[in-house]
Amino acid sequence: MSKFPLPLRWRLDDVDSWFVGSVLVLCLLGTLAVYGAGSFRPEAHGQHFYLIKHLQRLAIGMVAAVILGSMDHVWFRRRWLIWTGLVVALGLTAIPVVLRGFGIDRWVEIPGLGQFQPLELAKVAMVFFLAYRLSMSRLDNPLAGKPLLITLAAGPGVLVLLLALQPNFGNVVVMSLVTLLMLVLAGVSWRWLAPVLPAGLLAGVVGYHLVSKLHTRIDVWYHGWQNLGTGEAPPFGYQVHQSLLGMGAGGWRGLGPGNSHNKFAFLPENHTDFAFSFLGEELGLVGTLLVVAALLMMVWRTMVIAQRAPTRFGQLLAAGLGGMLFIYGTANIAMVTGVIPVMGVPLPYVSYGGSALITNLAAVGLILNVDRQGRGRRRASHSRHPAI
């Protein structure tokens, strides 16, 4: 018999070790990036300022993961809880829009606790809402398509609108893709999804012509590809230019921990949105491939967990959270390497940040919750019907 207490024993026996391992690898690389890049930032109060804050938030997020992993995810499927969480999250997301003229931009200050970004709460609430609504719908009924999409617009539609008004166009794109992914995984007919794609493209074209911020970022990215290698202008703008220079200097093996040049403020936001580039400079191609491998492993195991979930709600919840983390990670890596325009989205578990790190670790707890209960159901089934 195990010497561990029962709660710790099932946590060791009932979790996907590859999934947990991939998240821990990303957290470790993130800690290295935050310490190396944040230690020389001019606003830091000492060399270990950002490291200490990062470790504190990492600890809070892991505690949240353990607590949420210990609960029954089916408990969250209560209708009043889903709608209350959605309304509260959307209400908090609307605060920066309403109070934008008073200097509030994406962040809300809580006296005594500091700042947090309402989007981080809203994105999890939206995944819960989609998982609940799609798990309760009869998708095999052709007549259910239009009413279903209208109801779903109450969640992601309002969230995307609020993000566009902030403005926060990077998260508009990411959350739209997360919504589309969950609709596809749930089996919603392409008959109802087909009109959504042209509408999204039309909104992007209109935004490009009407919003100067969006217009500038896309133009800088496009002209960067045109001028790449000509020497006429820094390709992709200053940030991405410095990002590519740093990763190029890192080569295969990197310059070594502590030897980055971009930590001396050459690359803005090198500890947040551009942490991947910082790792590429210090750890080289090997370090960046390790990040990509861990991200791919995480999403693969998440989809395996979703496939084995005991309920449809659990399937969509795990797949939605895993898909959201993967889309954020892919968008960040594509952004810092110049594949797409700068979007201002973090790399999960690697970029420095309080709200995002805690929320993403809480998502890990929810995914492990689904995994634990799926394994428990299978063990119970095997005990009732042992193999002959």
Protein backbone atom coordinates (compact mmCIF):
# COMPACT_ATOMS: atom_id res chain seq x y z
CA MET A 1 0.00 0.00 0.00
CA SER A 2 1.20 3.49 -0.81
CA LYS A 3 2.62 5.54 2.05
CA PHE A 4 1.05 8.66 0.63
CA PRO A 5 -2.30 9.92 1.90
CA LEU A 6 -5.20 9.08 -0.36
CA PRO A 7 -5.63 12.57 -1.90
CA LEU A 8 -1.96 12.72 -2.90
CA ARG A 9 -2.05 9.12 -4.10
CA TRP A 10 -4.79 9.68 -6.65
CA ARG A 11 -3.07 12.81 -7.86
CA LEU A 12 0.02 10.74 -8.60
CA ASP A 13 -1.85 7.80 -10.09
CA ASP A 14 -4.68 9.55 -11.91
CA VAL A 15 -2.93 12.21 -13.95
CA ASP A 16 -1.47 12.17 -17.42
CA SER A 17 2.27 12.39 -16.73
CA TRP A 18 3.10 13.55 -20.27
CA PHE A 19 0.60 16.39 -20.02
CA VAL A 20 1.85 17.49 -16.60
CA GLY A 21 5.47 17.12 -17.72
CA SER A 22 4.96 19.33 -20.77
CA VAL A 23 3.36 22.08 -18.68
CA LEU A 24 6.18 21.90 -16.12
CA VAL A 25 8.78 22.18 -18.89
CA LEU A 26 7.07 25.32 -20.20
CA CYS A 27 6.90 26.76 -16.67
CA LEU A 28 10.58 26.07 -16.13
CA LEU A 29 11.58 27.70 -19.42
CA GLY A 30 9.31 30.63 -18.59
CA THR A 31 11.01 31.09 -15.22
CA LEU A 32 14.43 31.12 -16.91
CA ALA A 33 13.21 33.69 -19.45
CA VAL A 34 11.61 35.95 -16.83
CA TYR A 35 14.70 35.89 -14.63
CA GLY A 36 17.14 36.50 -17.47
CA ALA A 37 15.12 39.13 -19.33
CA GLY A 38 13.60 40.88 -16.30
CA SER A 39 16.76 41.21 -14.24
CA PHE A 40 18.04 44.19 -16.26
CA ARG A 41 14.80 46.05 -16.88
CA PRO A 42 15.03 49.69 -15.74
CA GLU A 43 11.73 49.64 -13.85
CA ALA A 44 12.68 46.53 -11.83
CA HIS A 45 13.39 47.07 -8.12
CA GLY A 46 16.42 44.81 -7.96
CA GLN A 47 17.70 41.93 -10.05
CA HIS A 48 15.23 39.41 -8.64
CA PHE A 49 12.15 41.64 -8.70
CA TYR A 50 10.41 40.02 -11.68
CA LEU A 51 11.56 36.54 -10.72
CA ILE A 52 10.01 36.78 -7.25
CA LYS A 53 6.72 38.12 -8.60
CA HIS A 54 6.67 35.41 -11.26
CA LEU A 55 7.28 32.65 -8.71
CA GLN A 56 4.55 34.02 -6.46
CA ARG A 57 2.03 33.93 -9.28
CA LEU A 58 3.27 30.53 -10.35
CA ALA A 59 2.61 29.23 -6.84
CA ILE A 60 -0.90 30.76 -6.78
CA GLY A 61 -1.66 29.21 -10.15
CA MET A 62 -0.48 25.77 -9.05
CA VAL A 63 -2.59 25.95 -5.91
CA ALA A 64 -5.58 26.85 -8.10
CA ALA A 65 -4.77 23.91 -10.38
CA VAL A 66 -4.70 21.49 -7.42
CA ILE A 67 -8.00 22.81 -6.03
CA LEU A 68 -9.82 22.73 -9.36
CA GLY A 69 -8.34 19.34 -10.14
CA SER A 70 -9.80 17.97 -6.91
CA MET A 71 -13.36 19.09 -7.64
CA ASP A 72 -15.96 17.41 -9.81
CA HIS A 73 -16.04 19.24 -13.14
CA VAL A 74 -19.69 18.22 -13.56
CA TRP A 75 -20.47 20.54 -10.63
CA PHE A 76 -19.57 23.45 -12.89
CA ARG A 77 -22.28 22.42 -15.36
CA ARG A 78 -25.03 24.17 -13.42
CA ARG A 79 -26.95 26.56 -15.62
CA TRP A 80 -27.07 29.40 -13.10
CA LEU A 81 -23.33 29.11 -12.50
CA ILE A 82 -22.48 29.13 -16.21
CA TRP A 83 -24.60 32.20 -16.94
CA THR A 84 -23.52 34.04 -13.78
CA GLY A 85 -19.86 33.47 -14.60
CA LEU A 86 -20.39 34.63 -18.17
CA VAL A 87 -22.28 37.79 -17.20
CA VAL A 88 -19.76 38.73 -14.49
CA ALA A 89 -16.81 38.10 -16.82
CA LEU A 90 -18.34 40.14 -19.63
CA GLY A 91 -19.23 42.90 -17.18
CA LEU A 92 -15.64 43.10 -15.97
CA THR A 93 -14.39 43.08 -19.56
CA ALA A 94 -16.68 46.03 -20.29
CA ILE A 95 -15.10 48.14 -17.53
CA PRO A 96 -12.02 49.14 -19.60
CA VAL A 97 -14.35 50.05 -22.48
CA VAL A 98 -16.64 52.22 -20.36
CA LEU A 99 -13.83 53.85 -18.36
CA ARG A 100 -11.34 54.16 -21.19
CA GLY A 101 -11.47 57.94 -20.98
CA PHE A 102 -10.22 57.75 -17.37
CA GLY A 103 -6.96 56.04 -18.31
CA ILE A 104 -8.06 52.43 -17.74
CA ASP A 105 -6.74 50.21 -20.53
CA ARG A 106 -7.43 46.45 -20.37
CA TRP A 107 -6.48 46.25 -16.69
CA VAL A 108 -8.70 46.68 -13.64
CA GLU A 109 -7.25 47.67 -10.27
CA ILE A 110 -8.42 45.81 -7.17
CA PRO A 111 -7.48 47.66 -3.95
CA GLY A 112 -5.05 45.60 -1.92
CA LEU A 113 -4.67 42.89 -4.58
CA GLY A 114 -3.22 44.75 -7.55
CA GLN A 115 -4.20 44.64 -11.21
CA PHE A 116 -5.79 41.89 -13.23
CA GLN A 117 -6.94 41.58 -16.82
CA PRO A 118 -10.67 40.75 -17.06
CA LEU A 119 -10.06 39.02 -20.39
CA GLU A 120 -8.33 36.13 -18.59
CA LEU A 121 -11.48 35.40 -16.60
CA ALA A 122 -13.72 36.00 -19.60
CA LYS A 123 -11.94 33.54 -21.89
CA VAL A 124 -12.36 30.67 -19.40
CA ALA A 125 -15.99 31.65 -18.76
CA MET A 126 -16.57 31.63 -22.51
CA VAL A 127 -15.13 28.11 -22.90
CA PHE A 128 -17.37 26.93 -20.05
CA PHE A 129 -20.38 28.56 -21.72
CA LEU A 130 -19.64 27.01 -25.11
CA ALA A 131 -19.00 23.58 -23.59
CA TYR A 132 -22.27 23.76 -21.65
CA ARG A 133 -24.38 25.08 -24.51
CA LEU A 134 -22.98 22.69 -27.10
CA SER A 135 -23.20 19.67 -24.80
CA MET A 136 -26.90 20.41 -24.18
CA SER A 137 -27.79 20.85 -27.86
CA ARG A 138 -29.11 18.29 -30.33
CA LEU A 139 -26.69 18.95 -33.14
CA ASP A 140 -28.17 16.11 -35.19
CA ASN A 141 -31.35 18.17 -35.59
CA PRO A 142 -31.02 20.44 -38.68
CA LEU A 143 -33.57 22.85 -37.22
CA ALA A 144 -31.37 23.41 -34.17
CA GLY A 145 -28.56 25.08 -36.13
CA LYS A 146 -29.81 28.65 -36.42
CA PRO A 147 -31.22 28.98 -32.87
CA LEU A 148 -28.02 27.44 -31.55
CA LEU A 149 -25.79 29.98 -33.26
CA ILE A 150 -28.00 32.85 -32.13
CA THR A 151 -27.76 31.70 -28.52
CA LEU A 152 -24.01 31.19 -28.76
CA ALA A 153 -23.63 34.79 -29.92
CA ALA A 154 -24.57 35.82 -26.37
CA GLY A 155 -21.14 34.62 -25.24
CA PRO A 156 -18.28 34.90 -27.73
CA GLY A 157 -20.05 37.50 -29.88
CA VAL A 158 -20.32 40.00 -27.03
CA LEU A 159 -16.80 39.18 -25.81
CA VAL A 160 -15.28 39.77 -29.25
CA LEU A 161 -17.17 43.07 -29.54
CA LEU A 162 -15.90 44.27 -26.15
CA LEU A 163 -12.33 43.30 -27.03
CA ALA A 164 -12.58 45.18 -30.32
CA LEU A 165 -13.77 48.29 -28.48
CA GLN A 166 -10.87 48.22 -25.97
CA PRO A 167 -9.13 47.84 -28.57
CA ASN A 168 -7.48 44.40 -28.27
CA PHE A 169 -7.50 42.98 -31.78
CA GLY A 170 -5.01 40.19 -31.11
CA ASN A 171 -7.36 38.58 -28.61
CA VAL A 172 -10.30 39.23 -30.95
CA VAL A 173 -8.64 36.94 -33.49
CA VAL A 174 -7.61 34.33 -30.92
CA MET A 175 -10.98 34.07 -29.20
CA SER A 176 -12.77 33.94 -32.56
CA LEU A 177 -10.58 30.98 -33.52
CA VAL A 178 -11.24 29.28 -30.17
CA THR A 179 -14.98 29.66 -30.73
CA LEU A 180 -14.74 28.27 -34.26
CA LEU A 181 -12.65 25.34 -33.02
CA MET A 182 -15.19 24.39 -30.37
CA LEU A 183 -18.06 24.64 -32.85
CA VAL A 184 -16.23 22.33 -35.24
CA LEU A 185 -15.31 19.84 -32.49
CA ALA A 186 -18.91 19.83 -31.29
CA GLY A 187 -20.11 18.83 -34.75
CA VAL A 188 -22.00 21.98 -35.73
CA SER A 189 -22.88 21.71 -39.42
CA TRP A 190 -20.75 23.68 -41.89
CA ARG A 191 -24.04 24.83 -43.33
CA TRP A 192 -24.29 27.20 -40.38
CA LEU A 193 -20.58 27.88 -40.02
CA ALA A 194 -19.92 28.79 -43.66
CA PRO A 195 -21.43 32.32 -43.43
CA VAL A 196 -19.31 33.06 -40.34
CA LEU A 197 -16.00 32.93 -42.23
CA PRO A 198 -16.84 35.58 -44.89
CA ALA A 199 -18.32 37.75 -42.14
CA GLY A 200 -15.04 37.55 -40.19
CA LEU A 201 -13.00 38.43 -43.27
CA LEU A 202 -15.30 41.36 -44.04
CA ALA A 203 -14.93 42.64 -40.47
CA GLY A 204 -11.14 42.41 -40.83
CA VAL A 205 -11.15 44.39 -44.08
CA VAL A 206 -13.39 47.08 -42.59
CA GLY A 207 -11.20 47.26 -39.48
CA TYR A 208 -8.08 47.58 -41.61
CA HIS A 209 -9.48 50.65 -43.38
CA LEU A 210 -11.07 52.30 -40.34
CA VAL A 211 -8.72 51.56 -37.41
CA SER A 212 -5.31 53.20 -37.65
CA LYS A 213 -3.68 50.82 -35.14
CA LEU A 214 -4.74 47.77 -37.11
CA HIS A 215 -3.81 49.41 -40.40
CA THR A 216 -0.31 50.32 -39.16
CA ARG A 217 0.51 46.88 -37.78
CA ILE A 218 -0.56 45.05 -40.92
CA ASP A 219 1.29 47.52 -43.17
CA VAL A 220 4.50 47.24 -41.13
CA TRP A 221 4.30 43.45 -41.31
CA TYR A 222 3.54 43.43 -45.05
CA HIS A 223 6.30 45.89 -45.95
CA GLY A 224 8.65 43.90 -43.77
CA TRP A 225 8.24 40.93 -46.07
CA GLN A 226 8.74 43.19 -49.08
CA ASN A 227 11.91 44.77 -47.68
CA LEU A 228 13.34 41.60 -46.16
CA GLY A 229 17.02 41.42 -47.11
CA THR A 230 17.03 44.69 -49.09
CA GLY A 231 18.40 46.85 -46.29
CA GLU A 232 15.86 49.58 -47.06
CA ALA A 233 14.07 49.36 -43.73
CA PRO A 234 14.10 47.13 -40.63
CA PRO A 235 11.93 44.15 -41.63
CA PHE A 236 8.64 43.73 -39.73
CA GLY A 237 9.21 46.77 -37.53
CA TYR A 238 11.64 47.36 -34.69
CA GLN A 239 10.34 44.76 -32.22
CA VAL A 240 10.24 41.82 -34.61
CA HIS A 241 13.50 42.97 -36.21
CA GLN A 242 15.27 42.79 -32.84
CA SER A 243 13.52 39.51 -32.12
CA LEU A 244 14.86 37.93 -35.31
CA LEU A 245 18.34 39.35 -34.70
CA GLY A 246 18.37 37.82 -31.22
CA MET A 247 17.28 34.37 -32.38
CA GLY A 248 19.74 34.54 -35.26
CA ALA A 249 22.56 35.39 -32.86
CA GLY A 250 21.60 32.42 -30.71
CA GLY A 251 22.21 29.95 -33.53
CA TRP A 252 21.88 26.25 -32.74
CA ARG A 253 23.12 26.18 -29.15
CA GLY A 254 22.48 29.76 -28.03
CA LEU A 255 24.73 32.30 -26.39
CA GLY A 256 24.25 30.64 -23.02
CA PRO A 257 22.18 31.60 -19.94
CA GLY A 258 22.87 35.21 -18.94
CA ASN A 259 24.60 36.14 -22.21
CA SER A 260 21.65 37.66 -24.07
CA HIS A 261 22.08 41.08 -25.64
CA ASN A 262 18.36 41.78 -25.90
CA LYS A 263 18.02 41.83 -22.11
CA PHE A 264 19.64 45.28 -22.19
CA ALA A 265 16.38 46.86 -23.44
CA PHE A 266 17.17 46.36 -27.13
CA LEU A 267 14.02 44.24 -27.39
CA PRO A 268 10.94 45.77 -25.71
CA GLU A 269 8.73 43.34 -23.78
CA ASN A 270 11.43 40.67 -23.90
CA HIS A 271 10.07 39.09 -20.70
CA THR A 272 6.41 39.10 -21.78
CA ASP A 273 5.26 38.84 -25.39
CA PHE A 274 8.78 38.21 -26.77
CA ALA A 275 10.01 35.69 -24.18
CA PHE A 276 10.24 33.05 -26.93
CA SER A 277 12.79 35.19 -28.76
CA PHE A 278 14.80 35.66 -25.57
CA LEU A 279 14.97 31.88 -25.11
CA GLY A 280 16.06 31.54 -28.73
CA GLU A 281 18.96 33.90 -28.13
CA GLU A 282 20.18 32.29 -24.90
CA LEU A 283 19.28 28.63 -25.53
CA GLY A 284 19.39 28.64 -29.32
CA LEU A 285 17.32 26.55 -31.70
CA VAL A 286 17.41 23.71 -29.19
CA GLY A 287 15.59 25.84 -26.62
CA THR A 288 12.93 27.07 -29.03
CA LEU A 289 12.31 23.54 -30.34
CA LEU A 290 11.89 22.39 -26.75
CA VAL A 291 9.17 25.02 -26.29
CA VAL A 292 7.43 23.90 -29.50
CA ALA A 293 7.71 20.22 -28.54
CA ALA A 294 6.29 20.85 -25.07
CA LEU A 295 3.42 22.88 -26.54
CA LEU A 296 2.60 20.14 -29.05
CA MET A 297 2.80 17.45 -26.37
CA MET A 298 0.48 19.44 -24.14
CA VAL A 299 -2.22 19.88 -26.77
CA TRP A 300 -1.92 16.27 -27.95
CA ARG A 301 -2.40 14.88 -24.46
CA THR A 302 -5.24 17.33 -23.87
CA MET A 303 -7.09 15.99 -26.90
CA VAL A 304 -6.49 12.42 -25.68
CA ILE A 305 -7.91 13.40 -22.29
CA ALA A 306 -10.91 15.02 -23.99
CA GLN A 307 -11.54 11.90 -26.06
CA ARG A 308 -11.60 9.74 -22.91
CA ALA A 309 -13.76 12.15 -20.89
CA PRO A 310 -16.80 10.53 -19.22
CA THR A 311 -19.24 13.28 -20.31
CA ARG A 312 -19.75 15.37 -23.42
CA PHE A 313 -19.42 18.49 -21.30
CA GLY A 314 -16.04 17.26 -20.08
CA GLN A 315 -14.95 16.47 -23.63
CA LEU A 316 -15.74 19.95 -24.90
CA LEU A 317 -14.36 21.64 -21.78
CA ALA A 318 -10.97 19.90 -22.00
CA ALA A 319 -10.75 20.29 -25.79
CA GLY A 320 -11.74 23.96 -25.59
CA LEU A 321 -9.21 24.82 -22.90
CA GLY A 322 -6.44 22.86 -24.62
CA GLY A 323 -7.26 24.39 -27.98
CA MET A 324 -7.24 27.87 -26.47
CA LEU A 325 -3.77 27.35 -24.97
CA PHE A 326 -2.47 25.96 -28.25
CA ILE A 327 -3.86 28.83 -30.33
CA TYR A 328 -2.34 31.39 -27.96
CA GLY A 329 1.02 29.63 -28.11
CA THR A 330 0.99 29.29 -31.89
CA ALA A 331 -0.03 32.92 -32.36
CA ASN A 332 2.75 34.15 -30.07
CA ILE A 333 5.47 32.11 -31.79
CA ALA A 334 4.22 33.17 -35.23
CA MET A 335 4.17 36.81 -34.07
CA VAL A 336 7.73 36.96 -32.69
CA THR A 337 9.11 35.25 -35.82
CA GLY A 338 7.35 37.63 -38.23
CA VAL A 339 4.98 35.04 -39.71
CA ILE A 340 1.96 37.14 -38.68
CA PRO A 341 1.61 40.79 -37.58
CA VAL A 342 2.32 41.69 -33.96
CA MET A 343 -0.80 40.78 -31.94
CA GLY A 344 0.27 41.30 -28.35
CA VAL A 345 -0.66 37.84 -27.07
CA PRO A 346 1.47 35.96 -24.49
CA LEU A 347 3.06 32.53 -24.75
CA PRO A 348 1.29 30.32 -22.16
CA TYR A 349 3.42 29.49 -19.09
CA VAL A 350 6.49 31.17 -20.63
CA SER A 351 5.61 34.88 -20.84
CA TYR A 352 5.66 36.94 -17.67
CA GLY A 353 2.21 37.90 -16.45
CA GLY A 354 -0.03 37.53 -13.46
CA SER A 355 -3.59 37.07 -14.67
CA ALA A 356 -2.66 34.96 -17.69
CA LEU A 357 -0.30 32.65 -15.79
CA ILE A 358 -2.77 31.99 -12.96
CA THR A 359 -5.67 31.46 -15.35
CA ASN A 360 -3.71 29.12 -17.61
CA LEU A 361 -2.60 27.01 -14.64
CA ALA A 362 -6.20 26.92 -13.44
CA ALA A 363 -7.09 25.57 -16.89
CA VAL A 364 -4.52 22.81 -16.31
CA GLY A 365 -6.37 21.87 -13.12
CA LEU A 366 -9.68 21.66 -14.99
CA ILE A 367 -8.15 19.47 -17.71
CA LEU A 368 -6.61 17.16 -15.08
CA ASN A 369 -10.00 17.05 -13.38
CA VAL A 370 -11.58 15.69 -16.55
CA ASP A 371 -8.71 13.22 -16.91
CA ARG A 372 -8.96 11.99 -13.32
CA GLN A 373 -12.68 11.35 -13.54
CA GLY A 374 -12.32 9.63 -16.90
CA ARG A 375 -9.73 7.25 -15.44
CA GLY A 376 -11.96 6.65 -12.41
CA ARG A 377 -14.91 5.74 -14.64
CA ARG A 378 -12.79 3.30 -16.64
CA ARG A 379 -11.44 1.62 -13.51
CA ALA A 380 -14.95 1.24 -12.14
CA SER A 381 -16.12 -0.23 -15.44
CA HIS A 382 -13.23 -2.72 -15.50
CA SER A 383 -13.94 -3.78 -11.93
CA ARG A 384 -17.57 -4.52 -12.81
CA HIS A 385 -16.67 -6.27 -16.07
CA PRO A 386 -13.24 -7.86 -15.61
CA ALA A 387 -11.53 -9.23 -18.68
CA ILE A 388 -11.87 -12.98 -19.16
